[in-house]
Amino acid sequence: MKTKIHLLFLSLYLALNLAAQVSPLDGKYSTLVIEEWTKGQWINSTKMTNTFDSNGNKIKDENDSWNDTTKVWKGYMVNNHTLNANSTINFTISQMWNDQTKSWDDLQKTFYTYDASKNILTQKTQMFFGANWLDYAATINTYNGSGKLSQSVEQTFDFMAFQLANSSQQTYSYNADGVQNQNVTQKWNTTTSTWENNARSTNTYSVSKKITVFVDEIYSSGAWVNDSKTLISYNADGSMKEVLYQNWDASGGNWVDKDKETFTNNPDGTTGLVITTTWNPATSIWENQTRITFTYGLTSTGQQLAGIDQVKVFPNPFTNVISIEYIPLNVSNIQLFNVDGQLVRIFEKGELLSKINLGSLKDGVYLLKAVSPDSQQVIKLLKSK
């Protein structure tokens, strides 16, 4: 796959509380622009824009796509956040642009509850089907005596029972100094009604409690097996410098470079630029893939999105496998986003001729975007058991 957008450093910041610098993940950036390296130059791809209230709380974020023909940004998704009196999010409504009606269609609602320390206790999501809101996912969090997350149980909609049912859970453990040591992911076995090991991540820290390495393993045939590794380096001022991603080569018994993110920081410590490169083993060089530019200050508003109603996906909802009916020759690429606007998959044209296995994705709502030189189409997909 030639082009791949890495937003893994975003979840990295959130999951591990890397507060050495003013992270873009604190939501204070005004815009985030993603470009793709194409034919020797950077081409606009996606823009995310935040809007804040007078107290600096984020109340809206928009996702736009670049139209290379008209040279304008066109909005395809928006999230509006309603806040509680203590500035926590009460609920979020996500909407997607409908080119047929020229209006924003409701996509999902997410409701939050908190403890006295503003830790999220529950996160319940509803999806809009027809004229009704349907519960389709929930997360229940538990915290230890130190106020740190100890367990997170995820539930998804069971279409057979027509109710929410256990899907997966993550259990977190900590070192004596309070930093997270490991988290284990387990999947719910509906046949045995038990939790079964699925994956785990183990973290290593520097003396200053900055995470430097975390290793991901998968559970296979009763044993933990290496899967991937992430190595993080920092500048002298503590700001992030580079994130290196590696995959485990079982045949060679060693770690193999895959992708790398290089950070350029502003004088105030905020992240200004992130460039993702992919290792090409044939040429032994790092090749440009994506560039993410952060700006801070005034916000802007996305425009409306043109559509092409020629690409079809079935079945929908789906469990693991989908088929894409690929008709127009002028479609340049087909991308899959989660409801947070993060790119999770780019489909090569060769894949569109056969069934595509998406069993590794979490259950929930995804947006499939087909892009042509002068228009785009966004299809809402539901992955469920």
Protein backbone atom coordinates (compact mmCIF):
# COMPACT_ATOMS: atom_id res chain seq x y z
CA MET A 1 0.00 0.00 0.00
CA LYS A 2 1.71 3.17 -1.19
CA THR A 3 -0.10 5.75 0.89
CA LYS A 4 -0.90 5.41 4.55
CA ILE A 5 -1.76 8.15 7.04
CA HIS A 6 -0.48 7.50 10.53
CA LEU A 7 -2.43 9.15 13.35
CA LEU A 8 -1.12 6.65 15.87
CA PHE A 9 0.82 9.34 17.70
CA LEU A 10 -2.53 10.93 18.57
CA SER A 11 -3.77 7.88 20.45
CA LEU A 12 -0.30 7.48 21.90
CA TYR A 13 -0.52 10.89 23.57
CA LEU A 14 -3.99 10.21 24.91
CA ALA A 15 -3.33 6.73 26.24
CA LEU A 16 -0.05 7.44 27.95
CA ASN A 17 -0.45 11.02 29.25
CA LEU A 18 2.71 12.34 27.60
CA ALA A 19 2.57 15.86 28.98
CA ALA A 20 6.18 16.92 28.51
CA GLN A 21 5.12 19.25 25.72
CA VAL A 22 1.89 21.01 24.84
CA SER A 23 0.44 18.22 22.78
CA PRO A 24 -1.89 18.79 19.83
CA LEU A 25 -4.03 16.20 21.60
CA ASP A 26 -5.01 18.66 24.29
CA GLY A 27 -7.30 20.04 21.59
CA LYS A 28 -5.82 23.53 21.56
CA TYR A 29 -4.72 23.57 17.95
CA SER A 30 -7.02 25.41 15.57
CA THR A 31 -6.35 23.37 12.43
CA LEU A 32 -4.60 20.16 11.48
CA VAL A 33 -3.89 19.65 7.78
CA ILE A 34 -2.88 16.24 6.40
CA GLU A 35 -1.06 16.05 3.07
CA GLU A 36 -0.08 12.98 1.07
CA TRP A 37 3.18 12.59 -0.85
CA THR A 38 2.14 12.04 -4.45
CA LYS A 39 4.39 12.09 -7.52
CA GLY A 40 7.13 13.99 -5.76
CA GLN A 41 5.01 16.66 -4.08
CA TRP A 42 2.74 17.20 -1.08
CA ILE A 43 -0.98 17.17 -1.96
CA ASN A 44 -3.75 18.30 0.42
CA SER A 45 -5.89 15.44 1.74
CA THR A 46 -7.76 16.16 4.97
CA LYS A 47 -8.22 19.07 7.37
CA MET A 48 -9.49 19.03 10.95
CA THR A 49 -10.66 22.31 12.50
CA ASN A 50 -11.44 23.00 16.16
CA THR A 51 -13.74 25.69 17.55
CA PHE A 52 -13.54 26.85 21.19
CA ASP A 53 -15.80 28.78 23.56
CA SER A 54 -14.69 31.88 25.47
CA ASN A 55 -13.18 29.68 28.20
CA GLY A 56 -11.01 27.73 25.78
CA ASN A 57 -13.13 24.58 25.82
CA LYS A 58 -13.53 22.75 22.50
CA ILE A 59 -17.17 22.83 21.42
CA LYS A 60 -16.89 21.79 17.79
CA ASP A 61 -14.54 19.97 15.44
CA GLU A 62 -14.92 19.63 11.69
CA ASN A 63 -13.39 17.30 9.11
CA ASP A 64 -12.86 18.53 5.55
CA SER A 65 -11.56 16.89 2.39
CA TRP A 66 -9.56 18.63 -0.30
CA ASN A 67 -11.11 18.91 -3.75
CA ASP A 68 -8.14 18.98 -6.11
CA THR A 69 -10.25 20.22 -9.01
CA THR A 70 -11.87 23.24 -7.36
CA LYS A 71 -8.96 23.73 -4.94
CA VAL A 72 -11.23 24.19 -1.92
CA TRP A 73 -11.87 22.32 1.32
CA LYS A 74 -15.24 20.58 1.48
CA GLY A 75 -16.73 19.46 4.79
CA TYR A 76 -17.87 15.86 5.24
CA MET A 77 -18.21 15.45 9.01
CA VAL A 78 -18.77 17.67 12.07
CA ASN A 79 -18.89 16.97 15.83
CA ASN A 80 -20.70 19.38 18.14
CA HIS A 81 -19.93 19.09 21.87
CA THR A 82 -22.38 20.19 24.58
CA LEU A 83 -20.58 20.86 27.85
CA ASN A 84 -21.50 20.49 31.50
CA ALA A 85 -21.08 23.38 33.94
CA ASN A 86 -17.65 22.01 34.93
CA SER A 87 -16.47 22.06 31.26
CA THR A 88 -16.62 18.28 30.80
CA ILE A 89 -18.47 17.01 27.71
CA ASN A 90 -22.09 16.10 28.40
CA PHE A 91 -22.77 14.72 24.93
CA THR A 92 -21.48 14.94 21.37
CA ILE A 93 -23.57 14.88 18.19
CA SER A 94 -21.78 13.78 15.02
CA GLN A 95 -23.19 14.70 11.61
CA MET A 96 -22.22 13.82 8.06
CA TRP A 97 -22.82 15.94 4.97
CA ASN A 98 -25.54 14.62 2.64
CA ASP A 99 -24.92 15.84 -0.89
CA GLN A 100 -28.37 14.75 -2.04
CA THR A 101 -30.27 16.94 0.43
CA LYS A 102 -27.50 19.52 0.83
CA SER A 103 -27.77 19.22 4.59
CA TRP A 104 -26.07 17.64 7.60
CA ASP A 105 -27.45 14.22 8.55
CA ASP A 106 -27.30 12.99 12.14
CA LEU A 107 -24.81 10.14 12.43
CA GLN A 108 -24.35 9.40 16.12
CA LYS A 109 -24.68 10.74 19.67
CA THR A 110 -22.25 10.00 22.47
CA PHE A 111 -23.14 10.60 26.14
CA TYR A 112 -20.65 10.75 29.01
CA THR A 113 -20.81 10.40 32.80
CA TYR A 114 -17.99 11.24 35.22
CA ASP A 115 -16.81 10.73 38.77
CA ALA A 116 -15.96 13.58 41.15
CA SER A 117 -12.45 13.79 39.64
CA LYS A 118 -13.84 14.25 36.10
CA ASN A 119 -12.76 10.75 35.09
CA ILE A 120 -15.09 9.26 32.46
CA LEU A 121 -17.19 6.51 34.04
CA THR A 122 -19.40 5.64 31.09
CA GLN A 123 -19.48 6.47 27.40
CA LYS A 124 -22.65 5.46 25.57
CA THR A 125 -23.06 5.90 21.83
CA GLN A 126 -26.21 5.87 19.76
CA MET A 127 -26.44 5.70 15.98
CA PHE A 128 -29.15 7.29 13.89
CA PHE A 129 -31.08 4.74 11.80
CA GLY A 130 -33.98 6.06 9.78
CA ALA A 131 -35.88 8.25 12.22
CA ASN A 132 -34.67 6.61 15.43
CA TRP A 133 -31.61 6.59 17.67
CA LEU A 134 -30.28 3.10 18.36
CA ASP A 135 -27.86 2.19 21.18
CA TYR A 136 -24.91 0.50 19.51
CA ALA A 137 -21.88 0.87 21.78
CA ALA A 138 -20.93 1.60 25.38
CA THR A 139 -17.76 1.78 27.46
CA ILE A 140 -17.71 1.31 31.25
CA ASN A 141 -14.55 2.42 33.05
CA THR A 142 -13.28 1.46 36.52
CA TYR A 143 -10.54 3.30 38.43
CA ASN A 144 -8.19 2.21 41.21
CA GLY A 145 -7.67 3.92 44.55
CA SER A 146 -5.16 6.31 42.96
CA GLY A 147 -7.70 7.44 40.40
CA LYS A 148 -6.01 5.65 37.51
CA LEU A 149 -7.95 3.64 34.94
CA SER A 150 -7.87 -0.03 35.92
CA GLN A 151 -10.44 -1.56 33.57
CA SER A 152 -12.42 -0.55 30.51
CA VAL A 153 -15.25 -2.78 29.26
CA GLU A 154 -16.62 -2.22 25.76
CA GLN A 155 -20.08 -3.32 24.69
CA THR A 156 -21.54 -3.37 21.18
CA PHE A 157 -25.00 -3.92 19.80
CA ASP A 158 -25.99 -7.57 19.40
CA PHE A 159 -28.46 -7.74 16.51
CA MET A 160 -29.59 -11.21 17.52
CA ALA A 161 -30.46 -10.24 21.09
CA PHE A 162 -31.23 -6.65 20.06
CA GLN A 163 -29.32 -5.21 22.99
CA LEU A 164 -25.82 -4.20 24.05
CA ALA A 165 -23.53 -7.12 24.86
CA ASN A 166 -19.93 -7.54 26.04
CA SER A 167 -17.39 -7.19 23.24
CA SER A 168 -13.92 -6.54 24.67
CA GLN A 169 -12.20 -5.29 27.79
CA GLN A 170 -8.85 -3.76 28.65
CA THR A 171 -7.18 -4.22 32.04
CA TYR A 172 -4.43 -1.78 33.07
CA SER A 173 -1.57 -2.36 35.53
CA TYR A 174 0.89 0.18 36.95
CA ASN A 175 4.40 0.33 38.37
CA ALA A 176 5.01 1.41 41.95
CA ASP A 177 5.74 4.95 40.75
CA GLY A 178 2.30 5.18 39.15
CA VAL A 179 3.19 4.91 35.46
CA GLN A 180 1.27 2.43 33.35
CA ASN A 181 3.16 -0.82 32.98
CA GLN A 182 0.87 -2.93 30.82
CA ASN A 183 -2.61 -3.22 29.40
CA VAL A 184 -4.21 -6.51 28.36
CA THR A 185 -7.08 -6.72 25.85
CA GLN A 186 -9.53 -9.60 26.05
CA LYS A 187 -12.42 -10.54 23.78
CA TRP A 188 -15.77 -11.84 25.03
CA ASN A 189 -16.53 -15.43 24.01
CA THR A 190 -20.30 -15.63 23.58
CA THR A 191 -20.25 -19.44 23.55
CA THR A 192 -18.45 -19.90 26.86
CA SER A 193 -19.43 -16.51 28.36
CA THR A 194 -15.82 -15.88 29.34
CA TRP A 195 -13.10 -13.35 28.57
CA GLU A 196 -10.28 -14.66 26.38
CA ASN A 197 -6.84 -13.10 25.91
CA ASN A 198 -6.42 -11.22 22.66
CA ALA A 199 -3.57 -8.69 22.85
CA ARG A 200 -1.36 -6.85 25.31
CA SER A 201 0.97 -3.86 25.34
CA THR A 202 3.96 -3.51 27.70
CA ASN A 203 5.58 -0.12 28.31
CA THR A 204 9.16 0.90 29.15
CA TYR A 205 10.03 4.32 30.60
CA SER A 206 13.05 6.56 31.05
CA VAL A 207 14.17 7.77 34.48
CA SER A 208 12.10 10.92 33.88
CA LYS A 209 8.99 8.75 33.38
CA LYS A 210 8.79 9.33 29.65
CA ILE A 211 7.69 6.30 27.70
CA THR A 212 10.46 5.12 25.39
CA VAL A 213 9.27 1.72 24.17
CA PHE A 214 6.05 -0.22 24.08
CA VAL A 215 5.72 -3.71 22.68
CA ASP A 216 2.43 -5.10 21.37
CA GLU A 217 1.81 -8.84 21.49
CA ILE A 218 -1.05 -11.04 20.34
CA TYR A 219 -2.30 -14.15 22.09
CA SER A 220 -1.97 -17.20 19.85
CA SER A 221 -2.20 -20.93 20.68
CA GLY A 222 -1.98 -20.29 24.38
CA ALA A 223 1.08 -18.01 24.28
CA TRP A 224 1.94 -14.33 23.84
CA VAL A 225 3.63 -13.65 20.48
CA ASN A 226 5.44 -10.48 19.38
CA ASP A 227 3.48 -8.35 16.94
CA SER A 228 4.79 -4.77 16.81
CA LYS A 229 7.03 -2.36 18.67
CA THR A 230 7.11 1.43 19.02
CA LEU A 231 10.24 3.36 20.00
CA ILE A 232 10.01 7.00 21.07
CA SER A 233 12.83 9.54 21.29
CA TYR A 234 12.80 13.06 22.73
CA ASN A 235 14.57 16.37 22.33
CA ALA A 236 16.65 17.88 25.15
CA ASP A 237 13.68 20.01 26.23
CA GLY A 238 11.51 16.92 26.65
CA SER A 239 9.44 17.44 23.50
CA MET A 240 8.84 14.48 21.22
CA LYS A 241 11.40 14.04 18.46
CA GLU A 242 10.67 10.77 16.67
CA VAL A 243 8.39 7.73 16.80
CA LEU A 244 9.60 4.56 15.10
CA TYR A 245 7.21 1.67 14.35
CA GLN A 246 8.50 -1.85 13.82
CA ASN A 247 6.89 -5.21 13.03
CA TRP A 248 8.05 -8.59 14.29
CA ASP A 249 9.50 -10.85 11.62
CA ALA A 250 8.77 -14.34 12.95
CA SER A 251 10.81 -16.06 10.24
CA GLY A 252 13.93 -14.01 10.95
CA GLY A 253 13.31 -13.64 14.67
CA ASN A 254 13.92 -9.87 14.64
CA TRP A 255 12.20 -6.50 14.54
CA VAL A 256 11.83 -4.86 11.11
CA ASP A 257 11.39 -1.12 10.52
CA LYS A 258 8.02 -0.16 9.11
CA ASP A 259 7.12 3.52 9.58
CA LYS A 260 8.59 6.59 11.25
CA GLU A 261 7.13 9.89 12.44
CA THR A 262 9.43 12.90 12.79
CA PHE A 263 8.26 15.86 14.90
CA THR A 264 9.11 19.53 14.43
CA ASN A 265 8.08 21.65 17.41
CA ASN A 266 7.31 25.34 17.77
CA PRO A 267 9.30 27.54 20.22
CA ASP A 268 6.43 27.38 22.73
CA GLY A 269 6.58 23.57 22.79
CA THR A 270 3.53 22.92 20.64
CA THR A 271 3.80 20.45 17.77
CA GLY A 272 4.07 22.25 14.45
CA LEU A 273 4.78 19.49 11.96
CA VAL A 274 4.78 15.69 11.79
CA ILE A 275 6.17 13.86 8.76
CA THR A 276 5.50 10.14 8.28
CA THR A 277 7.88 8.06 6.22
CA THR A 278 7.77 4.35 5.32
CA TRP A 279 10.81 2.10 5.09
CA ASN A 280 11.38 0.62 1.64
CA PRO A 281 13.46 -2.57 2.09
CA ALA A 282 14.11 -2.80 -1.64
CA THR A 283 15.89 0.57 -1.80
CA SER A 284 16.89 0.81 1.88
CA ILE A 285 15.54 4.35 2.16
CA TRP A 286 12.73 6.10 4.02
CA GLU A 287 10.02 7.32 1.62
CA ASN A 288 7.65 10.21 2.31
CA GLN A 289 4.04 9.25 3.00
CA THR A 290 2.18 11.97 4.89
CA ARG A 291 2.74 15.40 6.40
CA ILE A 292 0.61 16.84 9.23
CA THR A 293 0.78 20.58 9.92
CA PHE A 294 -0.68 22.10 13.10
CA THR A 295 -1.70 25.74 13.41
CA TYR A 296 -2.84 27.59 16.50
CA GLY A 297 -5.17 30.60 16.78
CA LEU A 298 -8.22 31.48 14.70
CA THR A 299 -10.46 28.73 13.33
CA SER A 300 -12.14 28.39 9.96
CA THR A 301 -15.31 26.69 8.78
CA GLY A 302 -15.44 23.78 6.35
CA GLN A 303 -17.44 23.93 3.15
CA GLN A 304 -19.90 21.48 1.74
CA LEU A 305 -19.06 18.27 -0.02
CA ALA A 306 -19.77 17.08 -3.50
CA GLY A 307 -20.80 13.46 -3.98
CA ILE A 308 -20.69 10.65 -6.60
CA ASP A 309 -23.19 7.83 -5.99
CA GLN A 310 -21.35 5.10 -7.87
CA VAL A 311 -19.49 3.05 -5.27
CA LYS A 312 -21.51 0.50 -3.30
CA VAL A 313 -20.54 -1.59 -0.26
CA PHE A 314 -22.27 -4.77 0.89
CA PRO A 315 -23.27 -6.23 3.24
CA ASN A 316 -24.02 -3.28 5.49
CA PRO A 317 -24.06 -3.81 8.45
CA PHE A 318 -21.16 -6.29 8.15
CA THR A 319 -19.43 -8.67 10.53
CA ASN A 320 -15.94 -9.21 9.12
CA VAL A 321 -15.96 -9.15 5.32
CA ILE A 322 -17.20 -6.52 2.85
CA SER A 323 -17.28 -6.27 -0.92
CA ILE A 324 -16.86 -2.97 -2.72
CA GLU A 325 -18.63 -2.54 -6.03
CA TYR A 326 -16.13 -0.36 -7.86
CA ILE A 327 -17.63 1.27 -10.96
CA PRO A 328 -16.12 4.65 -11.93
CA LEU A 329 -12.66 4.56 -13.47
CA ASN A 330 -11.96 8.11 -12.30
CA VAL A 331 -12.03 7.23 -8.59
CA SER A 332 -8.47 7.86 -7.40
CA ASN A 333 -8.68 6.17 -4.01
CA ILE A 334 -11.06 4.71 -1.43
CA GLN A 335 -10.39 5.35 2.25
CA LEU A 336 -11.95 4.09 5.47
CA PHE A 337 -12.26 6.40 8.51
CA ASN A 338 -13.53 5.78 12.01
CA VAL A 339 -16.10 8.18 13.48
CA ASP A 340 -13.32 10.26 15.07
CA GLY A 341 -12.08 11.15 11.60
CA GLN A 342 -8.98 8.95 11.80
CA LEU A 343 -7.93 7.09 8.67
CA VAL A 344 -7.80 3.34 9.39
CA ARG A 345 -7.43 1.86 5.90
CA ILE A 346 -6.72 2.80 2.28
CA PHE A 347 -7.90 0.29 -0.32
CA GLU A 348 -5.78 -0.47 -3.35
CA LYS A 349 -7.64 -0.91 -6.61
CA GLY A 350 -6.66 -4.57 -6.77
CA GLU A 351 -8.45 -5.22 -3.48
CA LEU A 352 -11.73 -4.00 -4.92
CA LEU A 353 -12.01 -7.10 -7.08
CA SER A 354 -12.34 -9.46 -4.13
CA LYS A 355 -13.80 -9.67 -0.64
CA ILE A 356 -12.03 -7.51 1.96
CA ASN A 357 -11.56 -8.80 5.51
CA LEU A 358 -12.01 -6.08 8.17
CA GLY A 359 -12.32 -8.47 11.09
CA SER A 360 -9.44 -6.77 12.93
CA LEU A 361 -11.43 -3.53 13.31
CA LYS A 362 -13.47 -2.80 16.41
CA ASP A 363 -17.24 -2.94 16.13
CA GLY A 364 -18.81 0.43 15.42
CA VAL A 365 -19.48 3.02 12.72
CA TYR A 366 -17.02 3.68 9.90
CA LEU A 367 -17.06 6.09 6.96
CA LEU A 368 -15.90 4.89 3.57
CA LYS A 369 -14.84 7.77 1.32
CA ALA A 370 -14.43 7.39 -2.44
CA VAL A 371 -12.50 10.23 -4.11
CA SER A 372 -12.50 11.23 -7.77
CA PRO A 373 -10.82 14.27 -9.34
CA ASP A 374 -13.99 16.39 -9.10
CA SER A 375 -16.20 14.79 -6.46
CA GLN A 376 -16.45 12.48 -3.47
CA GLN A 377 -18.81 9.97 -1.92
CA VAL A 378 -19.08 9.06 1.76
CA ILE A 379 -20.81 5.82 2.82
CA LYS A 380 -21.70 5.06 6.44
CA LEU A 381 -20.84 1.47 7.43
CA LEU A 382 -21.69 -0.45 10.60
CA LYS A 383 -19.44 -3.27 11.83
CA SER A 384 -21.14 -5.55 14.34
CA LYS A 385 -21.17 -9.16 15.47
